[in-house]
C-alpha atoms as a PDB file:
ATOM      1  CA  MET A   1     106.925  18.826 -33.480  1.00  0.00           C
ATOM      2  CA  PRO A   2     107.216  20.232 -37.070  1.00  0.00           C
ATOM      3  CA  VAL A   3     105.452  18.464 -39.906  1.00  0.00           C
ATOM      4  CA  TRP A   4     107.500  18.088 -43.015  1.00  0.00           C
ATOM      5  CA  VAL A   5     105.626  18.558 -46.269  1.00  0.00           C
ATOM      6  CA  TRP A   6     107.181  17.312 -49.426  1.00  0.00           C
ATOM      7  CA  VAL A   7     107.197  20.012 -52.108  1.00  0.00           C
ATOM      8  CA  PRO A   8     107.760  18.755 -55.661  1.00  0.00           C
ATOM      9  CA  GLU A   9     110.185  20.479 -57.910  1.00  0.00           C
ATOM     10  CA  PRO A  10     108.692  23.344 -59.833  1.00  0.00           C
ATOM     11  CA  VAL A  11     107.125  22.203 -63.053  1.00  0.00           C
ATOM     12  CA  THR A  12     108.902  23.671 -66.038  1.00  0.00           C
ATOM     13  CA  VAL A  13     106.558  24.932 -68.727  1.00  0.00           C
ATOM     14  CA  PRO A  14     107.819  23.986 -72.183  1.00  0.00           C
ATOM     15  CA  GLU A  15     108.614  26.835 -74.502  1.00  0.00           C
ATOM     16  CA  PRO A  16     105.812  27.692 -76.876  1.00  0.00           C
ATOM     17  CA  VAL A  17     106.003  25.821 -80.125  1.00  0.00           C
ATOM     18  CA  GLU A  18     106.704  28.092 -83.043  1.00  0.00           C
ATOM     19  CA  VAL A  19     103.688  28.116 -85.332  1.00  0.00           C
ATOM     20  CA  PRO A  20     104.659  28.216 -88.987  1.00  0.00           C
ATOM     21  CA  GLU A  21     103.147  30.894 -91.180  1.00  0.00           C
ATOM     22  CA  PRO A  22      99.814  29.910 -92.617  1.00  0.00           C
ATOM     23  CA  VAL A  23     100.043  28.224 -95.972  1.00  0.00           C
ATOM     24  CA  THR A  24      98.480  30.356 -98.654  1.00  0.00           C
ATOM     25  CA  VAL A  25      96.018  28.455-100.789  1.00  0.00           C
ATOM     26  CA  PRO A  26      96.094  29.505-104.438  1.00  0.00           C
ATOM     27  CA  GLU A  27      92.917  31.104-105.693  1.00  0.00           C
ATOM     28  CA  PRO A  28      90.620  28.640-107.407  1.00  0.00           C
ATOM     29  CA  VAL A  29      90.827  28.675-111.172  1.00  0.00           C
ATOM     30  CA  GLU A  30      87.615  29.962-112.664  1.00  0.00           C
ATOM     31  CA  VAL A  31      85.945  27.161-114.562  1.00  0.00           C
ATOM     32  CA  PRO A  32      83.723  28.322-117.392  1.00  0.00           C
ATOM     33  CA  GLU A  33      80.149  27.115-117.242  1.00  0.00           C
ATOM     34  CA  PRO A  34      79.505  24.123-119.457  1.00  0.00           C
ATOM     35  CA  VAL A  35      77.913  25.022-122.748  1.00  0.00           C
ATOM     36  CA  THR A  36      74.454  23.534-122.927  1.00  0.00           C
ATOM     37  CA  VAL A  37      73.483  22.179-126.300  1.00  0.00           C
ATOM     38  CA  PRO A  38      69.814  22.823-126.984  1.00  0.00           C
ATOM     39  CA  GLU A  39      67.835  19.666-127.513  1.00  0.00           C
ATOM     40  CA  PRO A  40      66.314  19.301-130.944  1.00  0.00           C
ATOM     41  CA  VAL A  41      62.712  20.429-130.917  1.00  0.00           C
ATOM     42  CA  GLY A  42      61.579  18.021-133.593  1.00  0.00           C
ATOM     43  CA  MET A  43      62.986  15.517-136.029  1.00  0.00           C
ATOM     44  CA  SER A  44      62.171  15.684-139.683  1.00  0.00           C
ATOM     45  CA  VAL A  45      61.917  12.279-141.293  1.00  0.00           C
ATOM     46  CA  PRO A  46      62.111  12.253-145.066  1.00  0.00           C
ATOM     47  CA  VAL A  47      59.294  10.112-146.465  1.00  0.00           C
ATOM     48  CA  GLU A  48      58.599   9.407-150.115  1.00  0.00           C
ATOM     49  CA  VAL A  49      54.866   9.449-150.668  1.00  0.00           C
ATOM     50  CA  SER A  50      53.305   7.666-153.618  1.00  0.00           C
ATOM     51  CA  GLY A  51      49.678   7.604-152.588  1.00  0.00           C
ATOM     52  CA  PRO A  52      47.588   7.930-149.456  1.00  0.00           C
ATOM     53  CA  VAL A  53      49.665   6.945-146.433  1.00  0.00           C
ATOM     54  CA  SER A  54      48.463   6.250-142.914  1.00  0.00           C
ATOM     55  CA  GLY A  55      50.446   4.509-140.247  1.00  0.00           C
ATOM     56  CA  SER A  56      53.477   4.869-138.031  1.00  0.00           C
ATOM     57  CA  VAL A  57      57.056   5.535-139.022  1.00  0.00           C
ATOM     58  CA  PRO A  58      59.919   4.722-136.634  1.00  0.00           C
ATOM     59  CA  VAL A  59      61.991   7.788-135.868  1.00  0.00           C
ATOM     60  CA  PRO A  60      65.739   7.193-135.737  1.00  0.00           C
ATOM     61  CA  GLY A  61      67.221   7.674-132.312  1.00  0.00           C
ATOM     62  CA  ARG A  62      63.931   7.300-130.485  1.00  0.00           C
ATOM     63  CA  GLY A  63      64.132   3.566-129.808  1.00  0.00           C
ATOM     64  CA  VAL A  64      60.805   1.788-129.981  1.00  0.00           C
ATOM     65  CA  ASP A  65      58.767   4.986-129.917  1.00  0.00           C
ATOM     66  CA  MET A  66      56.648   5.504-132.971  1.00  0.00           C
ATOM     67  CA  LEU A  67      55.388   8.814-134.256  1.00  0.00           C
ATOM     68  CA  PRO A  68      52.030   8.819-135.977  1.00  0.00           C
ATOM     69  CA  LEU A  69      52.352   9.895-139.600  1.00  0.00           C
ATOM     70  CA  ARG A  70      49.460  11.086-141.694  1.00  0.00           C
ATOM     71  CA  VAL A  71      50.357  12.396-145.118  1.00  0.00           C
ATOM     72  CA  PRO A  72      47.569  13.447-147.445  1.00  0.00           C
ATOM     73  CA  TRP A  73      48.007  12.356-151.027  1.00  0.00           C
ATOM     74  CA  VAL A  74      49.249  15.326-153.009  1.00  0.00           C
END
């Protein structure tokens, strides 16, 4: 007695999807390096001297830091 085997319909392979052309990325714009401003080496504080002076003078822009100041009497 023959045995019947069910054979499914052939599977249809979908057509390949068309791949779009690769998107070209524009070249990066060259950014110039930032100009570094040299830090001031020292700060000159004008001081009027009218005799022997010894003590501390606050330097502007330095906050609470104090620079020792010793000026000989000229």
